[in-house]
Amino acid sequence: MAKVPSMATMITDECINCGACEPECPNTAIYQGGIEFDALDGSKTAAISDDFFYIVPEKCTECVGFFDSEACAAVCPVDCCIPNPDIPEAEELLFQRAKEIHPTEDFPEDFPSRFKEEAAAAAAPEAGPAAGDAAPAGAVPAAPGAAGGPPPPAISAEDAIAAGIPSPDDWPVPLSCFRCGGRFTVPFQFLTPGTVLHCPHCNGSYVPRTDMYQAVRRRMDAFYESFGASFEALKARRQKELDSFEDSLRKSFSKLEEDVSKETDSRELAGAPQRNRGMFG
């Protein structure tokens, strides 16, 4: 079994208390800040954190036996589920813990584990190219658009405009902390009433009110409805202009072909037999 260094997972103070990670944990190792957790012996134990969600180390298996990656990290919107450098653990230990926490679970022999994925990814570069596929020494693949390389992907002006507009859920909503007055932004999807947010300046917590959410929601809906209509109208105009230009270009080509044909028909080719022009030409 491949040996890949590992550390238990922890939640940092960048947590925004969205709660997305809690239901994903197969071991119920994640708890909301301030909530007592159930230890492995069934006893109630004081919360590890009072301000944000936390992971109980002795219940965390890094999802070994259940998934090929850590479920909490996969759903975290701010990437605050990270390895704890103070608690290194190995795959064998985590798998044994998973079996102890779930004694009735029938784990397959080839159980899912992020260790296997990481080991495979680490070994991939060492395999090298297959026989017959080796590139000349020092050869570097041509970059897109470079001579000999693949052409760069085409993108229209309309697509470029649309790509610059974030989705409603990702729209950064500016907020002001009522404690320290610090300004910061949160994605609109986390402005839902009941979500506990924390100021990045003073770490003070607060919960968005329903009237704030509804007011921002109405403004967002109005913007995207207006933008969508304007954008479709723009594409329609551009398409009409493009069709008109192509029609004009076809007529110009036809006229050019006609003019060139007249020029060539009115002149003789070099080497063509000369007509007898008489004594005076």
C-alpha atoms as a PDB file:
ATOM      1  CA  MET A   1       0.000   0.000   0.000  1.00  0.00           C
ATOM      2  CA  ALA A   2       1.429   3.356  -1.036  1.00  0.00           C
ATOM      3  CA  LYS A   3       2.684   5.556   1.763  1.00  0.00           C
ATOM      4  CA  VAL A   4       1.517   9.136   1.339  1.00  0.00           C
ATOM      5  CA  PRO A   5       2.142  11.656   4.141  1.00  0.00           C
ATOM      6  CA  SER A   6      -1.102  12.843   5.689  1.00  0.00           C
ATOM      7  CA  MET A   7      -2.457  15.109   8.383  1.00  0.00           C
ATOM      8  CA  ALA A   8      -5.846  15.235  10.048  1.00  0.00           C
ATOM      9  CA  THR A   9      -8.267  17.758   8.611  1.00  0.00           C
ATOM     10  CA  MET A  10      -9.087  21.008  10.412  1.00  0.00           C
ATOM     11  CA  ILE A  11     -11.316  24.032   9.752  1.00  0.00           C
ATOM     12  CA  THR A  12      -9.557  27.392   9.890  1.00  0.00           C
ATOM     13  CA  ASP A  13     -10.891  30.682  11.237  1.00  0.00           C
ATOM     14  CA  GLU A  14     -11.708  31.695   7.656  1.00  0.00           C
ATOM     15  CA  CYS A  15     -14.883  29.592   8.005  1.00  0.00           C
ATOM     16  CA  ILE A  16     -18.012  31.587   7.147  1.00  0.00           C
ATOM     17  CA  ASN A  17     -20.340  29.179   8.991  1.00  0.00           C
ATOM     18  CA  CYS A  18     -22.258  28.249   5.855  1.00  0.00           C
ATOM     19  CA  GLY A  19     -22.764  24.708   7.198  1.00  0.00           C
ATOM     20  CA  ALA A  20     -22.139  23.027   3.817  1.00  0.00           C
ATOM     21  CA  CYS A  21     -19.579  20.603   5.273  1.00  0.00           C
ATOM     22  CA  GLU A  22     -21.526  19.240   8.251  1.00  0.00           C
ATOM     23  CA  PRO A  23     -23.999  16.942   6.422  1.00  0.00           C
ATOM     24  CA  GLU A  24     -21.275  15.644   4.068  1.00  0.00           C
ATOM     25  CA  CYS A  25     -19.139  14.052   6.809  1.00  0.00           C
ATOM     26  CA  PRO A  26     -19.677  10.238   6.957  1.00  0.00           C
ATOM     27  CA  ASN A  27     -18.472  10.139  10.583  1.00  0.00           C
ATOM     28  CA  THR A  28     -20.480  13.063  12.075  1.00  0.00           C
ATOM     29  CA  ALA A  29     -17.120  14.557  12.998  1.00  0.00           C
ATOM     30  CA  ILE A  30     -18.114  18.135  12.096  1.00  0.00           C
ATOM     31  CA  TYR A  31     -20.031  20.335  14.530  1.00  0.00           C
ATOM     32  CA  GLN A  32     -21.221  23.929  14.641  1.00  0.00           C
ATOM     33  CA  GLY A  33     -19.245  26.312  16.792  1.00  0.00           C
ATOM     34  CA  GLY A  34     -20.297  26.282  20.439  1.00  0.00           C
ATOM     35  CA  ILE A  35     -22.107  22.923  20.137  1.00  0.00           C
ATOM     36  CA  GLU A  36     -20.912  20.005  22.278  1.00  0.00           C
ATOM     37  CA  PHE A  37     -19.804  16.966  20.315  1.00  0.00           C
ATOM     38  CA  ASP A  38     -20.453  13.272  20.901  1.00  0.00           C
ATOM     39  CA  ALA A  39     -17.199  11.546  21.733  1.00  0.00           C
ATOM     40  CA  LEU A  40     -16.486   7.987  20.551  1.00  0.00           C
ATOM     41  CA  ASP A  41     -17.492   6.661  23.973  1.00  0.00           C
ATOM     42  CA  GLY A  42     -20.866   8.427  23.694  1.00  0.00           C
ATOM     43  CA  SER A  43     -20.122  11.176  26.210  1.00  0.00           C
ATOM     44  CA  LYS A  44     -20.822  14.848  25.580  1.00  0.00           C
ATOM     45  CA  THR A  45     -17.654  16.917  25.242  1.00  0.00           C
ATOM     46  CA  ALA A  46     -17.117  20.675  25.197  1.00  0.00           C
ATOM     47  CA  ALA A  47     -16.924  22.318  21.792  1.00  0.00           C
ATOM     48  CA  ILE A  48     -13.479  22.736  20.290  1.00  0.00           C
ATOM     49  CA  SER A  49     -14.498  26.105  18.803  1.00  0.00           C
ATOM     50  CA  ASP A  50     -17.146  28.585  19.875  1.00  0.00           C
ATOM     51  CA  ASP A  51     -17.023  30.800  16.776  1.00  0.00           C
ATOM     52  CA  PHE A  52     -17.131  28.535  13.747  1.00  0.00           C
ATOM     53  CA  PHE A  53     -17.596  24.927  12.633  1.00  0.00           C
ATOM     54  CA  TYR A  54     -14.940  22.476  13.800  1.00  0.00           C
ATOM     55  CA  ILE A  55     -13.789  18.892  13.155  1.00  0.00           C
ATOM     56  CA  VAL A  56     -13.260  16.387  15.977  1.00  0.00           C
ATOM     57  CA  PRO A  57      -9.813  14.862  15.183  1.00  0.00           C
ATOM     58  CA  GLU A  58     -10.502  11.463  16.778  1.00  0.00           C
ATOM     59  CA  LYS A  59     -13.626  11.051  14.619  1.00  0.00           C
ATOM     60  CA  CYS A  60     -12.095  12.260  11.351  1.00  0.00           C
ATOM     61  CA  THR A  61     -10.955   9.583   8.891  1.00  0.00           C
ATOM     62  CA  GLU A  62     -10.300  11.980   5.995  1.00  0.00           C
ATOM     63  CA  CYS A  63     -13.166  10.047   4.339  1.00  0.00           C
ATOM     64  CA  VAL A  64     -10.960   6.950   3.917  1.00  0.00           C
ATOM     65  CA  GLY A  65     -13.243   4.000   3.216  1.00  0.00           C
ATOM     66  CA  PHE A  66     -16.051   6.196   1.882  1.00  0.00           C
ATOM     67  CA  PHE A  67     -14.741   8.639  -0.752  1.00  0.00           C
ATOM     68  CA  ASP A  68     -11.597   9.181  -2.804  1.00  0.00           C
ATOM     69  CA  SER A  69     -11.366  12.763  -1.554  1.00  0.00           C
ATOM     70  CA  GLU A  70     -12.361  14.630   1.585  1.00  0.00           C
ATOM     71  CA  ALA A  71     -16.045  15.527   1.337  1.00  0.00           C
ATOM     72  CA  CYS A  72     -15.803  18.606   3.565  1.00  0.00           C
ATOM     73  CA  ALA A  73     -13.013  20.157   1.485  1.00  0.00           C
ATOM     74  CA  ALA A  74     -14.905  19.378  -1.730  1.00  0.00           C
ATOM     75  CA  VAL A  75     -17.972  21.417  -0.738  1.00  0.00           C
ATOM     76  CA  CYS A  76     -16.269  24.217   1.232  1.00  0.00           C
ATOM     77  CA  PRO A  77     -16.803  27.499  -0.678  1.00  0.00           C
ATOM     78  CA  VAL A  78     -13.816  29.255   0.913  1.00  0.00           C
ATOM     79  CA  ASP A  79     -11.309  26.351   1.051  1.00  0.00           C
ATOM     80  CA  CYS A  80     -10.886  26.468   4.821  1.00  0.00           C
ATOM     81  CA  CYS A  81     -10.922  22.656   5.349  1.00  0.00           C
ATOM     82  CA  ILE A  82      -7.188  21.954   5.310  1.00  0.00           C
ATOM     83  CA  PRO A  83      -4.667  19.459   6.770  1.00  0.00           C
ATOM     84  CA  ASN A  84      -3.699  20.074  10.397  1.00  0.00           C
ATOM     85  CA  PRO A  85       0.136  20.171  10.518  1.00  0.00           C
ATOM     86  CA  ASP A  86       0.076  19.248  14.213  1.00  0.00           C
ATOM     87  CA  ILE A  87      -1.727  15.904  13.719  1.00  0.00           C
ATOM     88  CA  PRO A  88      -0.036  13.685  11.095  1.00  0.00           C
ATOM     89  CA  GLU A  89      -1.890  10.421  10.399  1.00  0.00           C
ATOM     90  CA  ALA A  90      -1.463   7.460   8.025  1.00  0.00           C
ATOM     91  CA  GLU A  91      -3.995   5.714   5.802  1.00  0.00           C
ATOM     92  CA  GLU A  92      -3.876   2.468   7.832  1.00  0.00           C
ATOM     93  CA  LEU A  93      -4.756   4.318  11.029  1.00  0.00           C
ATOM     94  CA  LEU A  94      -7.603   6.216   9.377  1.00  0.00           C
ATOM     95  CA  PHE A  95      -9.059   3.076   7.812  1.00  0.00           C
ATOM     96  CA  GLN A  96      -8.915   1.254  11.144  1.00  0.00           C
ATOM     97  CA  ARG A  97     -10.686   4.204  12.773  1.00  0.00           C
ATOM     98  CA  ALA A  98     -13.394   4.118  10.089  1.00  0.00           C
ATOM     99  CA  LYS A  99     -14.032   0.420  10.827  1.00  0.00           C
ATOM    100  CA  GLU A 100     -14.243   1.132  14.566  1.00  0.00           C
ATOM    101  CA  ILE A 101     -16.694   4.016  14.073  1.00  0.00           C
ATOM    102  CA  HIS A 102     -18.797   1.940  11.645  1.00  0.00           C
ATOM    103  CA  PRO A 103     -18.583  -1.656  12.951  1.00  0.00           C
ATOM    104  CA  THR A 104     -21.501  -2.796  10.773  1.00  0.00           C
ATOM    105  CA  GLU A 105     -20.154  -1.241   7.597  1.00  0.00           C
ATOM    106  CA  ASP A 106     -18.933  -3.742   4.994  1.00  0.00           C
ATOM    107  CA  PHE A 107     -15.908  -1.964   3.542  1.00  0.00           C
ATOM    108  CA  PRO A 108     -14.675  -3.355   0.203  1.00  0.00           C
ATOM    109  CA  GLU A 109     -11.144  -4.671  -0.054  1.00  0.00           C
ATOM    110  CA  ASP A 110     -10.309  -1.923  -2.528  1.00  0.00           C
ATOM    111  CA  PHE A 111     -11.859   0.797  -0.357  1.00  0.00           C
ATOM    112  CA  PRO A 112     -11.955   4.412  -1.592  1.00  0.00           C
ATOM    113  CA  SER A 113      -9.174   6.635  -0.283  1.00  0.00           C
ATOM    114  CA  ARG A 114      -7.622   9.924  -1.254  1.00  0.00           C
ATOM    115  CA  PHE A 115      -4.227   8.301  -0.550  1.00  0.00           C
ATOM    116  CA  LYS A 116      -4.677   6.047  -3.576  1.00  0.00           C
ATOM    117  CA  GLU A 117      -5.578   9.029  -5.744  1.00  0.00           C
ATOM    118  CA  GLU A 118      -2.580  11.027  -4.538  1.00  0.00           C
ATOM    119  CA  ALA A 119      -0.212   8.075  -4.949  1.00  0.00           C
ATOM    120  CA  ALA A 120      -1.430   7.512  -8.508  1.00  0.00           C
ATOM    121  CA  ALA A 121      -1.037  11.202  -9.311  1.00  0.00           C
ATOM    122  CA  ALA A 122       2.472  11.258  -7.824  1.00  0.00           C
ATOM    123  CA  ALA A 123       3.528   8.162  -9.786  1.00  0.00           C
ATOM    124  CA  ALA A 124       2.127   9.350 -13.107  1.00  0.00           C
ATOM    125  CA  PRO A 125       5.034  11.675 -14.063  1.00  0.00           C
ATOM    126  CA  GLU A 126       7.554   8.912 -13.282  1.00  0.00           C
ATOM    127  CA  ALA A 127       6.028   6.565 -15.868  1.00  0.00           C
ATOM    128  CA  GLY A 128       7.233   8.736 -18.758  1.00  0.00           C
ATOM    129  CA  PRO A 129       6.051   8.547 -22.371  1.00  0.00           C
ATOM    130  CA  ALA A 130       5.196   5.223 -23.990  1.00  0.00           C
ATOM    131  CA  ALA A 131       7.652   3.555 -26.322  1.00  0.00           C
ATOM    132  CA  GLY A 132       7.696   5.241 -29.695  1.00  0.00           C
ATOM    133  CA  ASP A 133       6.151   8.409 -28.289  1.00  0.00           C
ATOM    134  CA  ALA A 134       9.326   9.958 -26.922  1.00  0.00           C
ATOM    135  CA  ALA A 135       9.916  13.529 -28.043  1.00  0.00           C
ATOM    136  CA  PRO A 136      13.377  14.679 -29.164  1.00  0.00           C
ATOM    137  CA  ALA A 137      15.620  15.823 -26.331  1.00  0.00           C
ATOM    138  CA  GLY A 138      14.890  19.396 -25.379  1.00  0.00           C
ATOM    139  CA  ALA A 139      11.663  19.478 -27.372  1.00  0.00           C
ATOM    140  CA  VAL A 140       8.912  21.640 -25.891  1.00  0.00           C
ATOM    141  CA  PRO A 141       5.291  21.386 -27.083  1.00  0.00           C
ATOM    142  CA  ALA A 142       4.264  24.396 -29.091  1.00  0.00           C
ATOM    143  CA  ALA A 143       2.005  26.810 -27.245  1.00  0.00           C
ATOM    144  CA  PRO A 144      -1.460  27.548 -28.633  1.00  0.00           C
ATOM    145  CA  GLY A 145      -1.168  30.051 -31.436  1.00  0.00           C
ATOM    146  CA  ALA A 146       2.601  29.523 -31.876  1.00  0.00           C
ATOM    147  CA  ALA A 147       4.032  28.244 -35.138  1.00  0.00           C
ATOM    148  CA  GLY A 148       3.345  24.534 -35.351  1.00  0.00           C
ATOM    149  CA  GLY A 149       1.027  24.602 -32.354  1.00  0.00           C
ATOM    150  CA  PRO A 150      -2.740  24.361 -32.154  1.00  0.00           C
ATOM    151  CA  PRO A 151      -4.630  27.569 -32.936  1.00  0.00           C
ATOM    152  CA  PRO A 152      -5.879  29.522 -29.919  1.00  0.00           C
ATOM    153  CA  PRO A 153      -9.559  28.986 -29.124  1.00  0.00           C
ATOM    154  CA  ALA A 154     -11.742  31.595 -30.785  1.00  0.00           C
ATOM    155  CA  ILE A 155     -13.983  33.713 -28.598  1.00  0.00           C
ATOM    156  CA  SER A 156     -16.477  36.258 -29.816  1.00  0.00           C
ATOM    157  CA  ALA A 157     -16.818  39.752 -28.402  1.00  0.00           C
ATOM    158  CA  GLU A 158     -20.231  38.778 -27.036  1.00  0.00           C
ATOM    159  CA  ASP A 159     -18.776  35.746 -25.234  1.00  0.00           C
ATOM    160  CA  ALA A 160     -16.044  37.937 -23.748  1.00  0.00           C
ATOM    161  CA  ILE A 161     -18.654  40.352 -22.381  1.00  0.00           C
ATOM    162  CA  ALA A 162     -20.739  37.535 -20.897  1.00  0.00           C
ATOM    163  CA  ALA A 163     -17.663  35.941 -19.318  1.00  0.00           C
ATOM    164  CA  GLY A 164     -16.971  39.182 -17.456  1.00  0.00           C
ATOM    165  CA  ILE A 165     -20.337  39.107 -15.660  1.00  0.00           C
ATOM    166  CA  PRO A 166     -20.295  36.885 -12.541  1.00  0.00           C
ATOM    167  CA  SER A 167     -23.216  34.605 -11.763  1.00  0.00           C
ATOM    168  CA  PRO A 168     -25.777  35.941  -9.254  1.00  0.00           C
ATOM    169  CA  ASP A 169     -24.557  33.537  -6.556  1.00  0.00           C
ATOM    170  CA  ASP A 170     -20.951  34.695  -6.973  1.00  0.00           C
ATOM    171  CA  TRP A 171     -21.735  38.417  -7.084  1.00  0.00           C
ATOM    172  CA  PRO A 172     -19.635  40.148  -4.355  1.00  0.00           C
ATOM    173  CA  VAL A 173     -21.987  41.993  -2.005  1.00  0.00           C
ATOM    174  CA  PRO A 174     -20.250  44.843  -0.096  1.00  0.00           C
ATOM    175  CA  LEU A 175     -20.891  44.892   3.644  1.00  0.00           C
ATOM    176  CA  SER A 176     -19.830  47.091   6.552  1.00  0.00           C
ATOM    177  CA  CYS A 177     -19.140  45.616   9.999  1.00  0.00           C
ATOM    178  CA  PHE A 178     -21.242  47.373  12.644  1.00  0.00           C
ATOM    179  CA  ARG A 179     -18.527  46.645  15.238  1.00  0.00           C
ATOM    180  CA  CYS A 180     -15.306  47.892  13.662  1.00  0.00           C
ATOM    181  CA  GLY A 181     -16.650  49.634  10.551  1.00  0.00           C
ATOM    182  CA  GLY A 182     -14.467  47.484   8.285  1.00  0.00           C
ATOM    183  CA  ARG A 183     -15.620  46.989   4.696  1.00  0.00           C
ATOM    184  CA  PHE A 184     -15.594  43.576   3.039  1.00  0.00           C
ATOM    185  CA  THR A 185     -17.568  41.523   0.530  1.00  0.00           C
ATOM    186  CA  VAL A 186     -19.312  38.143   0.579  1.00  0.00           C
ATOM    187  CA  PRO A 187     -20.759  36.164  -2.348  1.00  0.00           C
ATOM    188  CA  PHE A 188     -24.511  36.741  -2.642  1.00  0.00           C
ATOM    189  CA  GLN A 189     -25.229  33.053  -2.028  1.00  0.00           C
ATOM    190  CA  PHE A 190     -24.073  33.509   1.592  1.00  0.00           C
ATOM    191  CA  LEU A 191     -26.334  36.485   2.272  1.00  0.00           C
ATOM    192  CA  THR A 192     -29.241  34.136   3.026  1.00  0.00           C
ATOM    193  CA  PRO A 193     -31.027  34.982   6.300  1.00  0.00           C
ATOM    194  CA  GLY A 194     -29.847  32.734   9.118  1.00  0.00           C
ATOM    195  CA  THR A 195     -26.303  32.313   7.803  1.00  0.00           C
ATOM    196  CA  VAL A 196     -23.701  33.354  10.380  1.00  0.00           C
ATOM    197  CA  LEU A 197     -20.999  35.519   8.807  1.00  0.00           C
ATOM    198  CA  HIS A 198     -17.767  36.818  10.331  1.00  0.00           C
ATOM    199  CA  CYS A 199     -16.000  40.114   9.741  1.00  0.00           C
ATOM    200  CA  PRO A 200     -12.482  39.411   8.396  1.00  0.00           C
ATOM    201  CA  HIS A 201     -11.165  42.453  10.283  1.00  0.00           C
ATOM    202  CA  CYS A 202     -12.398  41.875  13.844  1.00  0.00           C
ATOM    203  CA  ASN A 203     -13.884  38.350  13.491  1.00  0.00           C
ATOM    204  CA  GLY A 204     -17.192  39.645  14.835  1.00  0.00           C
ATOM    205  CA  SER A 205     -20.209  37.566  13.829  1.00  0.00           C
ATOM    206  CA  TYR A 206     -23.551  38.697  12.462  1.00  0.00           C
ATOM    207  CA  VAL A 207     -26.522  37.276  10.578  1.00  0.00           C
ATOM    208  CA  PRO A 208     -28.015  38.908   7.424  1.00  0.00           C
ATOM    209  CA  ARG A 209     -31.565  40.126   7.933  1.00  0.00           C
ATOM    210  CA  THR A 210     -34.442  39.144   5.670  1.00  0.00           C
ATOM    211  CA  ASP A 211     -35.098  42.715   4.498  1.00  0.00           C
ATOM    212  CA  MET A 212     -31.455  43.112   3.419  1.00  0.00           C
ATOM    213  CA  TYR A 213     -31.510  39.837   1.502  1.00  0.00           C
ATOM    214  CA  GLN A 214     -34.808  40.612  -0.214  1.00  0.00           C
ATOM    215  CA  ALA A 215     -33.708  44.138  -1.216  1.00  0.00           C
ATOM    216  CA  VAL A 216     -30.452  42.849  -2.721  1.00  0.00           C
ATOM    217  CA  ARG A 217     -32.314  39.948  -4.364  1.00  0.00           C
ATOM    218  CA  ARG A 218     -34.748  42.335  -6.073  1.00  0.00           C
ATOM    219  CA  ARG A 219     -31.908  44.529  -7.310  1.00  0.00           C
ATOM    220  CA  MET A 220     -29.968  41.508  -8.595  1.00  0.00           C
ATOM    221  CA  ASP A 221     -33.025  40.108 -10.381  1.00  0.00           C
ATOM    222  CA  ALA A 222     -33.708  43.480 -12.021  1.00  0.00           C
ATOM    223  CA  PHE A 223     -30.093  43.779 -13.199  1.00  0.00           C
ATOM    224  CA  TYR A 224     -29.853  40.295 -14.668  1.00  0.00           C
ATOM    225  CA  GLU A 225     -33.249  40.600 -16.350  1.00  0.00           C
ATOM    226  CA  SER A 226     -32.209  43.911 -17.923  1.00  0.00           C
ATOM    227  CA  PHE A 227     -28.754  42.598 -18.832  1.00  0.00           C
ATOM    228  CA  GLY A 228     -30.214  39.466 -20.415  1.00  0.00           C
ATOM    229  CA  ALA A 229     -32.634  41.450 -22.574  1.00  0.00           C
ATOM    230  CA  SER A 230     -29.959  43.957 -23.630  1.00  0.00           C
ATOM    231  CA  PHE A 231     -27.457  41.196 -24.343  1.00  0.00           C
ATOM    232  CA  GLU A 232     -29.894  39.270 -26.550  1.00  0.00           C
ATOM    233  CA  ALA A 233     -30.747  42.496 -28.411  1.00  0.00           C
ATOM    234  CA  LEU A 234     -27.030  43.155 -28.922  1.00  0.00           C
ATOM    235  CA  LYS A 235     -26.458  39.687 -30.351  1.00  0.00           C
ATOM    236  CA  ALA A 236     -29.468  40.112 -32.653  1.00  0.00           C
ATOM    237  CA  ARG A 237     -28.111  43.444 -33.955  1.00  0.00           C
ATOM    238  CA  ARG A 238     -24.631  41.990 -34.417  1.00  0.00           C
ATOM    239  CA  GLN A 239     -26.039  39.016 -36.295  1.00  0.00           C
ATOM    240  CA  LYS A 240     -28.101  41.302 -38.530  1.00  0.00           C
ATOM    241  CA  GLU A 241     -25.047  43.451 -39.252  1.00  0.00           C
ATOM    242  CA  LEU A 242     -22.973  40.345 -39.953  1.00  0.00           C
ATOM    243  CA  ASP A 243     -25.600  38.962 -42.349  1.00  0.00           C
ATOM    244  CA  SER A 244     -25.774  42.332 -44.128  1.00  0.00           C
ATOM    245  CA  PHE A 245     -21.978  42.510 -44.387  1.00  0.00           C
ATOM    246  CA  GLU A 246     -21.743  38.959 -45.763  1.00  0.00           C
ATOM    247  CA  ASP A 247     -24.431  39.746 -48.363  1.00  0.00           C
ATOM    248  CA  SER A 248     -22.576  42.903 -49.399  1.00  0.00           C
ATOM    249  CA  LEU A 249     -19.316  40.963 -49.559  1.00  0.00           C
ATOM    250  CA  ARG A 250     -20.848  38.313 -51.826  1.00  0.00           C
ATOM    251  CA  LYS A 251     -22.087  41.043 -54.194  1.00  0.00           C
ATOM    252  CA  SER A 252     -18.637  42.681 -54.169  1.00  0.00           C
ATOM    253  CA  PHE A 253     -16.976  39.364 -55.005  1.00  0.00           C
ATOM    254  CA  SER A 254     -19.440  38.799 -57.831  1.00  0.00           C
ATOM    255  CA  LYS A 255     -18.752  42.297 -59.229  1.00  0.00           C
ATOM    256  CA  LEU A 256     -14.999  41.785 -58.890  1.00  0.00           C
ATOM    257  CA  GLU A 257     -15.206  38.492 -60.760  1.00  0.00           C
ATOM    258  CA  GLU A 258     -17.261  40.149 -63.517  1.00  0.00           C
ATOM    259  CA  ASP A 259     -14.820  43.085 -63.866  1.00  0.00           C
ATOM    260  CA  VAL A 260     -11.756  40.837 -63.941  1.00  0.00           C
ATOM    261  CA  SER A 261     -13.434  38.646 -66.572  1.00  0.00           C
ATOM    262  CA  LYS A 262     -14.089  41.703 -68.767  1.00  0.00           C
ATOM    263  CA  GLU A 263     -10.473  42.813 -68.445  1.00  0.00           C
ATOM    264  CA  THR A 264      -9.083  39.433 -69.442  1.00  0.00           C
ATOM    265  CA  ASP A 265     -11.587  38.958 -72.286  1.00  0.00           C
ATOM    266  CA  SER A 266     -10.652  42.355 -73.807  1.00  0.00           C
ATOM    267  CA  ARG A 267      -6.937  41.567 -73.979  1.00  0.00           C
ATOM    268  CA  GLU A 268      -4.995  38.919 -75.865  1.00  0.00           C
ATOM    269  CA  LEU A 269      -2.641  36.531 -74.161  1.00  0.00           C
ATOM    270  CA  ALA A 270       1.054  36.678 -74.966  1.00  0.00           C
ATOM    271  CA  GLY A 271       1.934  34.268 -77.777  1.00  0.00           C
ATOM    272  CA  ALA A 272      -1.549  34.256 -79.264  1.00  0.00           C
ATOM    273  CA  PRO A 273      -1.570  34.187 -83.146  1.00  0.00           C
ATOM    274  CA  GLN A 274      -1.671  37.722 -84.595  1.00  0.00           C
ATOM    275  CA  ARG A 275      -4.386  38.733 -87.080  1.00  0.00           C
ATOM    276  CA  ASN A 276      -3.281  40.143 -90.449  1.00  0.00           C
ATOM    277  CA  ARG A 277      -3.693  43.868 -90.021  1.00  0.00           C
ATOM    278  CA  GLY A 278      -2.847  44.813 -93.640  1.00  0.00           C
ATOM    279  CA  MET A 279      -0.154  47.135 -94.944  1.00  0.00           C
ATOM    280  CA  PHE A 280      -0.905  49.962 -92.533  1.00  0.00           C
ATOM    281  CA  GLY A 281      -1.494  47.853 -89.400  1.00  0.00           C
END
